[in-house]
Amino acid sequence: MHKAAFISIIGKPNAGKSTFINALMGQHFCIVSPKAQTTRHRIKGFITTDDYQLVFSDTPGIIAPKYKMQEAMMDAMKESLEDADLLLLIHDETEEELSEEVIDVLNSFKGQKILILNKVDRLNEQQIVDKTEHWKASGHFYGVVPFSAIHPFNKNMLLNFLV
């Protein structure tokens, strides 16, 4: 094996983090539900080939915690950042801006950050190009990758980019 990386997957509730990791893994091992905050602990997934190993941490959605369980969920998300070489922000294409809580997490992470613009199966080609360019120009990210976790659009390109 030549390369290895620990990758934390973050985002708001229902952005598609668990569906995304299931799509990358090629199997369903993360809970997927329309109910927000279904993922309550870090869940790790591994992709291993002869050339690389990628270790993904699926985390609870980023929120402003209102009670103890939500505080514990945010602690689990923050712990995943301590181990990470790379941060993937899964962002629902319908959201125009990043929340203050997401920006705080991005600013606290000192490594490379990649935006996965998720749910692009809802967009036409020009909209995908426009949104990708908008987020590239934001200056927050090393890279911006359009993706559809439901129809694994760009899966191989994304894996190559991560490696």
N, C-alpha and C. Protein backbone atom coordinates (compact mmCIF):
# COMPACT_ATOMS: atom_id res chain seq x y z
N MET A 1 0.85 -1.18 0.00
CA MET A 1 0.00 0.00 0.00
C MET A 1 0.90 1.24 0.00
N HIS A 2 0.53 2.22 -0.81
CA HIS A 2 1.38 3.39 -0.97
C HIS A 2 0.87 4.62 -0.24
N LYS A 3 -0.44 4.81 -0.17
CA LYS A 3 -1.00 6.02 0.41
C LYS A 3 -2.11 5.67 1.39
N ALA A 4 -2.26 6.52 2.41
CA ALA A 4 -3.35 6.33 3.37
C ALA A 4 -3.78 7.70 3.88
N ALA A 5 -5.07 7.83 4.18
CA ALA A 5 -5.58 9.09 4.71
C ALA A 5 -6.79 8.83 5.60
N PHE A 6 -6.90 9.64 6.64
CA PHE A 6 -8.07 9.67 7.50
C PHE A 6 -8.90 10.87 7.07
N ILE A 7 -10.17 10.62 6.73
CA ILE A 7 -11.02 11.65 6.15
C ILE A 7 -12.29 11.78 6.98
N SER A 8 -12.53 12.97 7.52
CA SER A 8 -13.75 13.23 8.28
C SER A 8 -14.80 13.82 7.35
N ILE A 9 -16.02 13.31 7.47
CA ILE A 9 -17.14 13.78 6.68
C ILE A 9 -18.05 14.56 7.60
N ILE A 10 -18.24 15.84 7.28
CA ILE A 10 -19.08 16.69 8.11
C ILE A 10 -20.15 17.35 7.24
N GLY A 11 -21.11 17.98 7.89
CA GLY A 11 -22.16 18.71 7.19
C GLY A 11 -23.35 18.90 8.10
N LYS A 12 -24.31 19.64 7.62
CA LYS A 12 -25.53 19.87 8.37
C LYS A 12 -26.37 18.59 8.39
N PRO A 13 -27.33 18.49 9.30
CA PRO A 13 -28.22 17.34 9.28
C PRO A 13 -28.93 17.22 7.93
N ASN A 14 -29.07 16.00 7.46
CA ASN A 14 -29.77 15.68 6.22
C ASN A 14 -29.11 16.23 4.96
N ALA A 15 -27.82 16.53 5.03
CA ALA A 15 -27.09 16.96 3.82
C ALA A 15 -26.77 15.77 2.93
N GLY A 16 -26.85 14.56 3.50
CA GLY A 16 -26.56 13.35 2.74
C GLY A 16 -25.24 12.70 3.11
N LYS A 17 -24.72 12.95 4.31
CA LYS A 17 -23.43 12.40 4.73
C LYS A 17 -23.43 10.88 4.73
N SER A 18 -24.42 10.27 5.36
CA SER A 18 -24.48 8.81 5.44
C SER A 18 -24.75 8.19 4.08
N THR A 19 -25.62 8.79 3.29
CA THR A 19 -25.88 8.30 1.94
C THR A 19 -24.61 8.40 1.10
N PHE A 20 -23.87 9.49 1.28
CA PHE A 20 -22.60 9.69 0.57
C PHE A 20 -21.61 8.58 0.89
N ILE A 21 -21.41 8.29 2.18
CA ILE A 21 -20.42 7.27 2.54
C ILE A 21 -20.88 5.89 2.09
N ASN A 22 -22.19 5.62 2.14
CA ASN A 22 -22.70 4.35 1.61
C ASN A 22 -22.40 4.23 0.11
N ALA A 23 -22.57 5.33 -0.63
CA ALA A 23 -22.30 5.31 -2.07
C ALA A 23 -20.81 5.05 -2.34
N LEU A 24 -19.93 5.68 -1.57
CA LEU A 24 -18.49 5.46 -1.77
C LEU A 24 -18.09 4.04 -1.44
N MET A 25 -18.67 3.49 -0.36
CA MET A 25 -18.32 2.15 0.07
C MET A 25 -18.92 1.08 -0.85
N GLY A 26 -19.99 1.45 -1.56
CA GLY A 26 -20.66 0.48 -2.40
C GLY A 26 -21.54 -0.48 -1.63
N GLN A 27 -21.87 -0.13 -0.39
CA GLN A 27 -22.77 -0.94 0.43
C GLN A 27 -23.42 -0.06 1.49
N HIS A 28 -24.53 -0.53 2.03
CA HIS A 28 -25.27 0.25 3.01
C HIS A 28 -24.92 -0.20 4.42
N PHE A 29 -24.06 0.58 5.07
CA PHE A 29 -23.75 0.27 6.46
C PHE A 29 -24.01 1.44 7.40
N CYS A 30 -24.23 2.63 6.86
CA CYS A 30 -24.62 3.79 7.67
C CYS A 30 -26.14 3.93 7.59
N ILE A 31 -26.76 4.27 8.71
CA ILE A 31 -28.21 4.47 8.74
C ILE A 31 -28.56 5.68 7.89
N VAL A 32 -29.57 5.54 7.05
CA VAL A 32 -30.07 6.63 6.23
C VAL A 32 -31.54 6.81 6.56
N SER A 33 -31.90 8.04 6.93
CA SER A 33 -33.27 8.32 7.33
C SER A 33 -33.58 9.79 7.06
N PRO A 34 -34.84 10.09 6.73
CA PRO A 34 -35.20 11.50 6.58
C PRO A 34 -35.19 12.24 7.92
N LYS A 35 -35.16 11.48 9.02
CA LYS A 35 -35.13 12.09 10.36
C LYS A 35 -33.74 12.67 10.60
N ALA A 36 -33.69 13.92 11.01
CA ALA A 36 -32.40 14.58 11.30
C ALA A 36 -31.74 13.94 12.51
N GLN A 37 -30.41 13.98 12.51
CA GLN A 37 -29.59 13.52 13.63
C GLN A 37 -29.73 12.02 13.88
N THR A 38 -29.85 11.22 12.81
CA THR A 38 -29.90 9.77 12.96
C THR A 38 -28.53 9.24 13.35
N THR A 39 -27.46 9.79 12.76
CA THR A 39 -26.10 9.40 13.13
C THR A 39 -25.75 10.13 14.43
N ARG A 40 -25.48 9.34 15.47
CA ARG A 40 -25.21 9.93 16.77
C ARG A 40 -23.79 9.73 17.25
N HIS A 41 -23.07 8.83 16.59
CA HIS A 41 -21.67 8.54 16.93
C HIS A 41 -20.88 8.50 15.62
N ARG A 42 -19.57 8.55 15.74
CA ARG A 42 -18.73 8.39 14.56
C ARG A 42 -18.88 6.98 14.02
N ILE A 43 -19.01 6.87 12.71
CA ILE A 43 -19.04 5.57 12.04
C ILE A 43 -17.92 5.59 11.03
N LYS A 44 -17.09 4.55 11.05
CA LYS A 44 -15.93 4.53 10.15
C LYS A 44 -16.15 3.54 9.02
N GLY A 45 -15.71 3.97 7.84
CA GLY A 45 -15.72 3.12 6.66
C GLY A 45 -14.34 3.12 6.03
N PHE A 46 -13.97 2.02 5.41
CA PHE A 46 -12.63 1.87 4.84
C PHE A 46 -12.72 1.48 3.38
N ILE A 47 -11.89 2.10 2.56
CA ILE A 47 -11.69 1.65 1.19
C ILE A 47 -10.21 1.31 1.08
N THR A 48 -9.93 0.04 0.76
CA THR A 48 -8.55 -0.41 0.67
C THR A 48 -8.32 -1.03 -0.70
N THR A 49 -7.27 -0.58 -1.36
CA THR A 49 -6.82 -1.17 -2.62
C THR A 49 -5.34 -1.49 -2.48
N ASP A 50 -4.74 -2.00 -3.52
CA ASP A 50 -3.29 -2.26 -3.49
C ASP A 50 -2.50 -0.96 -3.41
N ASP A 51 -3.10 0.16 -3.84
CA ASP A 51 -2.38 1.43 -3.91
C ASP A 51 -2.68 2.40 -2.77
N TYR A 52 -3.83 2.26 -2.12
CA TYR A 52 -4.20 3.22 -1.08
C TYR A 52 -5.22 2.65 -0.10
N GLN A 53 -5.31 3.33 1.05
CA GLN A 53 -6.38 3.06 2.01
C GLN A 53 -6.94 4.40 2.46
N LEU A 54 -8.25 4.53 2.35
CA LEU A 54 -8.95 5.72 2.82
C LEU A 54 -9.85 5.31 3.97
N VAL A 55 -9.73 6.01 5.09
CA VAL A 55 -10.53 5.74 6.27
C VAL A 55 -11.45 6.93 6.47
N PHE A 56 -12.76 6.69 6.34
CA PHE A 56 -13.76 7.75 6.43
C PHE A 56 -14.45 7.69 7.78
N SER A 57 -14.69 8.87 8.37
CA SER A 57 -15.51 8.98 9.58
C SER A 57 -16.77 9.74 9.24
N ASP A 58 -17.91 9.06 9.31
CA ASP A 58 -19.22 9.70 9.15
C ASP A 58 -19.58 10.27 10.51
N THR A 59 -19.98 11.52 10.56
CA THR A 59 -20.22 12.20 11.83
C THR A 59 -21.65 12.72 11.92
N PRO A 60 -22.10 13.02 13.14
CA PRO A 60 -23.42 13.65 13.29
C PRO A 60 -23.45 15.01 12.59
N GLY A 61 -24.64 15.44 12.21
CA GLY A 61 -24.80 16.73 11.55
C GLY A 61 -24.43 17.89 12.46
N ILE A 62 -23.86 18.94 11.88
CA ILE A 62 -23.42 20.11 12.63
C ILE A 62 -24.63 20.99 12.97
N ILE A 63 -24.81 21.21 14.25
CA ILE A 63 -25.91 22.04 14.75
C ILE A 63 -25.41 22.87 15.92
N ALA A 64 -26.20 23.82 16.35
CA ALA A 64 -25.96 24.52 17.61
C ALA A 64 -26.66 23.67 18.67
N PRO A 65 -25.90 22.96 19.53
CA PRO A 65 -26.52 22.03 20.48
C PRO A 65 -27.42 22.75 21.49
N LYS A 66 -28.55 22.11 21.77
CA LYS A 66 -29.51 22.67 22.71
C LYS A 66 -29.65 21.84 23.98
N TYR A 67 -29.15 20.59 23.96
CA TYR A 67 -29.23 19.76 25.16
C TYR A 67 -28.05 18.78 25.15
N LYS A 68 -27.89 18.03 26.24
CA LYS A 68 -26.70 17.20 26.48
C LYS A 68 -26.40 16.20 25.36
N MET A 69 -27.43 15.52 24.84
CA MET A 69 -27.17 14.54 23.80
C MET A 69 -26.60 15.23 22.55
N GLN A 70 -27.14 16.38 22.19
CA GLN A 70 -26.62 17.11 21.04
C GLN A 70 -25.19 17.60 21.30
N GLU A 71 -24.89 17.98 22.54
CA GLU A 71 -23.52 18.37 22.89
C GLU A 71 -22.58 17.19 22.69
N ALA A 72 -23.00 15.99 23.12
CA ALA A 72 -22.18 14.79 22.96
C ALA A 72 -21.98 14.47 21.48
N MET A 73 -23.01 14.67 20.66
CA MET A 73 -22.90 14.43 19.23
C MET A 73 -21.91 15.39 18.59
N MET A 74 -21.93 16.64 19.01
CA MET A 74 -20.98 17.62 18.46
C MET A 74 -19.56 17.31 18.93
N ASP A 75 -19.43 16.78 20.15
CA ASP A 75 -18.11 16.36 20.63
C ASP A 75 -17.56 15.22 19.76
N ALA A 76 -18.43 14.27 19.38
CA ALA A 76 -18.01 13.16 18.51
C ALA A 76 -17.54 13.70 17.16
N MET A 77 -18.25 14.69 16.63
CA MET A 77 -17.85 15.28 15.35
C MET A 77 -16.49 15.98 15.50
N LYS A 78 -16.31 16.73 16.57
CA LYS A 78 -15.05 17.45 16.77
C LYS A 78 -13.88 16.50 16.98
N GLU A 79 -14.13 15.37 17.67
CA GLU A 79 -13.08 14.36 17.85
C GLU A 79 -12.59 13.83 16.52
N SER A 80 -13.51 13.66 15.57
CA SER A 80 -13.12 13.13 14.27
C SER A 80 -12.16 14.08 13.56
N LEU A 81 -12.25 15.37 13.84
CA LEU A 81 -11.36 16.35 13.20
C LEU A 81 -9.93 16.23 13.71
N GLU A 82 -9.78 15.80 14.97
CA GLU A 82 -8.44 15.66 15.55
C GLU A 82 -7.62 14.62 14.83
N ASP A 83 -8.28 13.57 14.32
CA ASP A 83 -7.59 12.47 13.65
C ASP A 83 -7.45 12.68 12.16
N ALA A 84 -8.16 13.65 11.60
CA ALA A 84 -8.32 13.74 10.15
C ALA A 84 -7.14 14.38 9.44
N ASP A 85 -6.84 13.82 8.27
CA ASP A 85 -5.88 14.43 7.35
C ASP A 85 -6.61 15.36 6.38
N LEU A 86 -7.88 15.05 6.15
CA LEU A 86 -8.67 15.74 5.15
C LEU A 86 -10.10 15.87 5.66
N LEU A 87 -10.73 16.98 5.32
CA LEU A 87 -12.10 17.23 5.74
C LEU A 87 -12.99 17.32 4.50
N LEU A 88 -14.06 16.54 4.48
CA LEU A 88 -15.05 16.63 3.41
C LEU A 88 -16.31 17.24 3.99
N LEU A 89 -16.70 18.37 3.45
CA LEU A 89 -17.97 18.98 3.83
C LEU A 89 -19.01 18.57 2.80
N ILE A 90 -20.01 17.82 3.24
CA ILE A 90 -21.11 17.45 2.36
C ILE A 90 -22.13 18.59 2.46
N HIS A 91 -22.41 19.20 1.32
CA HIS A 91 -23.28 20.37 1.30
C HIS A 91 -24.42 20.14 0.31
N ASP A 92 -25.63 20.24 0.81
CA ASP A 92 -26.83 20.08 -0.02
C ASP A 92 -26.88 21.23 -1.02
N GLU A 93 -27.03 20.91 -2.29
CA GLU A 93 -27.01 21.94 -3.33
C GLU A 93 -28.10 22.97 -3.18
N THR A 94 -29.15 22.66 -2.42
CA THR A 94 -30.25 23.62 -2.25
C THR A 94 -29.90 24.71 -1.24
N GLU A 95 -28.86 24.51 -0.44
CA GLU A 95 -28.44 25.50 0.54
C GLU A 95 -27.53 26.52 -0.14
N GLU A 96 -27.90 27.78 -0.05
CA GLU A 96 -27.10 28.83 -0.72
C GLU A 96 -25.85 29.22 0.05
N GLU A 97 -25.93 29.22 1.36
CA GLU A 97 -24.80 29.67 2.19
C GLU A 97 -24.48 28.63 3.26
N LEU A 98 -23.31 28.78 3.86
CA LEU A 98 -22.90 27.93 4.98
C LEU A 98 -23.39 28.54 6.28
N SER A 99 -23.83 27.68 7.20
CA SER A 99 -24.26 28.18 8.50
C SER A 99 -23.05 28.63 9.31
N GLU A 100 -23.31 29.44 10.31
CA GLU A 100 -22.24 29.92 11.20
C GLU A 100 -21.53 28.75 11.87
N GLU A 101 -22.31 27.73 12.27
CA GLU A 101 -21.72 26.56 12.94
C GLU A 101 -20.78 25.81 11.99
N VAL A 102 -21.17 25.68 10.73
CA VAL A 102 -20.31 24.99 9.75
C VAL A 102 -19.05 25.81 9.49
N ILE A 103 -19.17 27.10 9.36
CA ILE A 103 -17.99 27.96 9.14
C ILE A 103 -17.03 27.86 10.32
N ASP A 104 -17.57 27.83 11.54
CA ASP A 104 -16.71 27.68 12.73
C ASP A 104 -15.91 26.38 12.67
N VAL A 105 -16.56 25.28 12.27
CA VAL A 105 -15.87 24.00 12.17
C VAL A 105 -14.81 24.06 11.07
N LEU A 106 -15.16 24.62 9.91
CA LEU A 106 -14.18 24.77 8.83
C LEU A 106 -12.96 25.55 9.28
N ASN A 107 -13.20 26.65 9.99
CA ASN A 107 -12.09 27.50 10.45
C ASN A 107 -11.23 26.82 11.50
N SER A 108 -11.81 25.88 12.25
CA SER A 108 -11.04 25.20 13.30
C SER A 108 -10.16 24.09 12.73
N PHE A 109 -10.44 23.64 11.52
CA PHE A 109 -9.66 22.55 10.91
C PHE A 109 -8.52 23.15 10.10
N LYS A 110 -7.30 22.72 10.38
CA LYS A 110 -6.12 23.33 9.75
C LYS A 110 -5.67 22.60 8.49
N GLY A 111 -6.23 21.44 8.20
CA GLY A 111 -5.83 20.70 7.00
C GLY A 111 -6.64 21.10 5.78
N GLN A 112 -6.50 20.31 4.72
CA GLN A 112 -7.22 20.56 3.47
C GLN A 112 -8.71 20.27 3.63
N LYS A 113 -9.52 21.12 3.00
CA LYS A 113 -10.98 20.99 3.06
C LYS A 113 -11.50 20.87 1.64
N ILE A 114 -12.39 19.90 1.44
CA ILE A 114 -13.01 19.70 0.14
C ILE A 114 -14.52 19.77 0.31
N LEU A 115 -15.16 20.51 -0.56
CA LEU A 115 -16.61 20.61 -0.56
C LEU A 115 -17.17 19.59 -1.52
N ILE A 116 -18.06 18.76 -1.02
CA ILE A 116 -18.81 17.84 -1.88
C ILE A 116 -20.18 18.48 -2.06
N LEU A 117 -20.43 18.98 -3.24
CA LEU A 117 -21.71 19.61 -3.56
C LEU A 117 -22.67 18.48 -3.90
N ASN A 118 -23.47 18.08 -2.92
CA ASN A 118 -24.30 16.89 -3.02
C ASN A 118 -25.67 17.19 -3.62
N LYS A 119 -26.30 16.13 -4.09
CA LYS A 119 -27.67 16.16 -4.64
C LYS A 119 -27.73 16.91 -5.97
N VAL A 120 -26.64 16.86 -6.74
CA VAL A 120 -26.62 17.57 -8.01
C VAL A 120 -27.48 16.89 -9.07
N ASP A 121 -28.02 15.71 -8.75
CA ASP A 121 -28.93 15.06 -9.70
C ASP A 121 -30.20 15.90 -9.89
N ARG A 122 -30.42 16.88 -9.02
CA ARG A 122 -31.57 17.79 -9.12
C ARG A 122 -31.30 18.98 -10.04
N LEU A 123 -30.06 19.11 -10.52
CA LEU A 123 -29.65 20.29 -11.29
C LEU A 123 -29.38 19.94 -12.74
N ASN A 124 -29.45 20.95 -13.61
CA ASN A 124 -28.99 20.75 -14.98
C ASN A 124 -27.49 21.04 -15.04
N GLU A 125 -26.89 20.75 -16.16
CA GLU A 125 -25.43 20.88 -16.30
C GLU A 125 -24.93 22.29 -16.02
N GLN A 126 -25.62 23.31 -16.53
CA GLN A 126 -25.19 24.69 -16.31
C GLN A 126 -25.28 25.08 -14.83
N GLN A 127 -26.33 24.63 -14.14
CA GLN A 127 -26.46 24.91 -12.72
C GLN A 127 -25.31 24.27 -11.92
N ILE A 128 -24.93 23.06 -12.32
CA ILE A 128 -23.82 22.39 -11.64
C ILE A 128 -22.54 23.19 -11.83
N VAL A 129 -22.28 23.64 -13.04
CA VAL A 129 -21.08 24.45 -13.32
C VAL A 129 -21.12 25.74 -12.52
N ASP A 130 -22.26 26.44 -12.52
CA ASP A 130 -22.38 27.72 -11.81
C ASP A 130 -22.17 27.54 -10.31
N LYS A 131 -22.80 26.54 -9.71
CA LYS A 131 -22.65 26.33 -8.27
C LYS A 131 -21.23 25.91 -7.91
N THR A 132 -20.63 25.07 -8.74
CA THR A 132 -19.25 24.65 -8.49
C THR A 132 -18.31 25.86 -8.52
N GLU A 133 -18.46 26.71 -9.52
CA GLU A 133 -17.63 27.91 -9.62
C GLU A 133 -17.86 28.86 -8.45
N HIS A 134 -19.11 29.00 -8.03
CA HIS A 134 -19.45 29.86 -6.88
C HIS A 134 -18.68 29.40 -5.64
N TRP A 135 -18.70 28.08 -5.37
CA TRP A 135 -18.05 27.58 -4.17
C TRP A 135 -16.53 27.57 -4.29
N LYS A 136 -16.01 27.36 -5.48
CA LYS A 136 -14.55 27.46 -5.67
C LYS A 136 -14.08 28.88 -5.35
N ALA A 137 -14.87 29.87 -5.78
CA ALA A 137 -14.50 31.28 -5.57
C ALA A 137 -14.60 31.69 -4.10
N SER A 138 -15.28 30.91 -3.26
CA SER A 138 -15.46 31.27 -1.85
C SER A 138 -14.14 31.29 -1.09
N GLY A 139 -13.15 30.53 -1.57
CA GLY A 139 -11.85 30.50 -0.91
C GLY A 139 -11.76 29.58 0.30
N HIS A 140 -12.84 28.91 0.66
CA HIS A 140 -12.84 28.02 1.82
C HIS A 140 -12.21 26.65 1.52
N PHE A 141 -12.18 26.25 0.23
CA PHE A 141 -11.93 24.85 -0.08
C PHE A 141 -10.76 24.64 -1.03
N TYR A 142 -10.04 23.55 -0.80
CA TYR A 142 -8.98 23.11 -1.71
C TYR A 142 -9.59 22.65 -3.03
N GLY A 143 -10.76 22.03 -2.93
CA GLY A 143 -11.45 21.55 -4.13
C GLY A 143 -12.94 21.51 -3.91
N VAL A 144 -13.69 21.54 -5.01
CA VAL A 144 -15.15 21.43 -4.98
C VAL A 144 -15.53 20.34 -5.98
N VAL A 145 -16.27 19.34 -5.49
CA VAL A 145 -16.64 18.22 -6.34
C VAL A 145 -18.16 18.06 -6.36
N PRO A 146 -18.79 18.21 -7.53
CA PRO A 146 -20.22 17.93 -7.62
C PRO A 146 -20.45 16.42 -7.49
N PHE A 147 -21.50 16.04 -6.78
CA PHE A 147 -21.72 14.62 -6.49
C PHE A 147 -23.21 14.36 -6.31
N SER A 148 -23.61 13.16 -6.63
CA SER A 148 -24.95 12.69 -6.30
C SER A 148 -24.79 11.37 -5.59
N ALA A 149 -25.11 11.34 -4.30
CA ALA A 149 -24.99 10.11 -3.53
C ALA A 149 -26.05 9.09 -3.93
N ILE A 150 -27.18 9.57 -4.43
CA ILE A 150 -28.25 8.66 -4.87
C ILE A 150 -27.86 7.98 -6.18
N HIS A 151 -27.32 8.73 -7.12
CA HIS A 151 -26.84 8.21 -8.40
C HIS A 151 -25.35 8.53 -8.42
N PRO A 152 -24.48 7.62 -7.97
CA PRO A 152 -23.08 7.95 -7.72
C PRO A 152 -22.34 8.63 -8.87
N PHE A 153 -22.82 9.82 -9.19
CA PHE A 153 -22.22 10.70 -10.19
C PHE A 153 -20.86 11.17 -9.67
N ASN A 154 -19.82 11.00 -10.44
CA ASN A 154 -18.46 11.45 -10.10
C ASN A 154 -17.77 10.59 -9.05
N LYS A 155 -18.27 9.41 -8.74
CA LYS A 155 -17.66 8.58 -7.68
C LYS A 155 -16.20 8.27 -7.97
N ASN A 156 -15.89 7.75 -9.16
CA ASN A 156 -14.50 7.39 -9.48
C ASN A 156 -13.60 8.62 -9.53
N MET A 157 -14.11 9.72 -10.10
CA MET A 157 -13.33 10.95 -10.14
C MET A 157 -13.04 11.44 -8.73
N LEU A 158 -14.04 11.35 -7.84
CA LEU A 158 -13.85 11.78 -6.46
C LEU A 158 -12.80 10.94 -5.76
N LEU A 159 -12.88 9.63 -5.90
CA LEU A 159 -11.88 8.76 -5.27
C LEU A 159 -10.48 9.07 -5.78
N ASN A 160 -10.33 9.28 -7.07
CA ASN A 160 -9.03 9.65 -7.63
C ASN A 160 -8.55 10.98 -7.07
N PHE A 161 -9.44 11.94 -6.93
CA PHE A 161 -9.10 13.24 -6.38
C PHE A 161 -8.64 13.10 -4.92
N LEU A 162 -9.32 12.28 -4.13
CA LEU A 162 -8.95 12.09 -2.73
C LEU A 162 -7.58 11.44 -2.61
N VAL A 163 -7.31 10.47 -3.45
CA VAL A 163 -6.01 9.79 -3.42
C VAL A 163 -4.92 10.77 -3.83
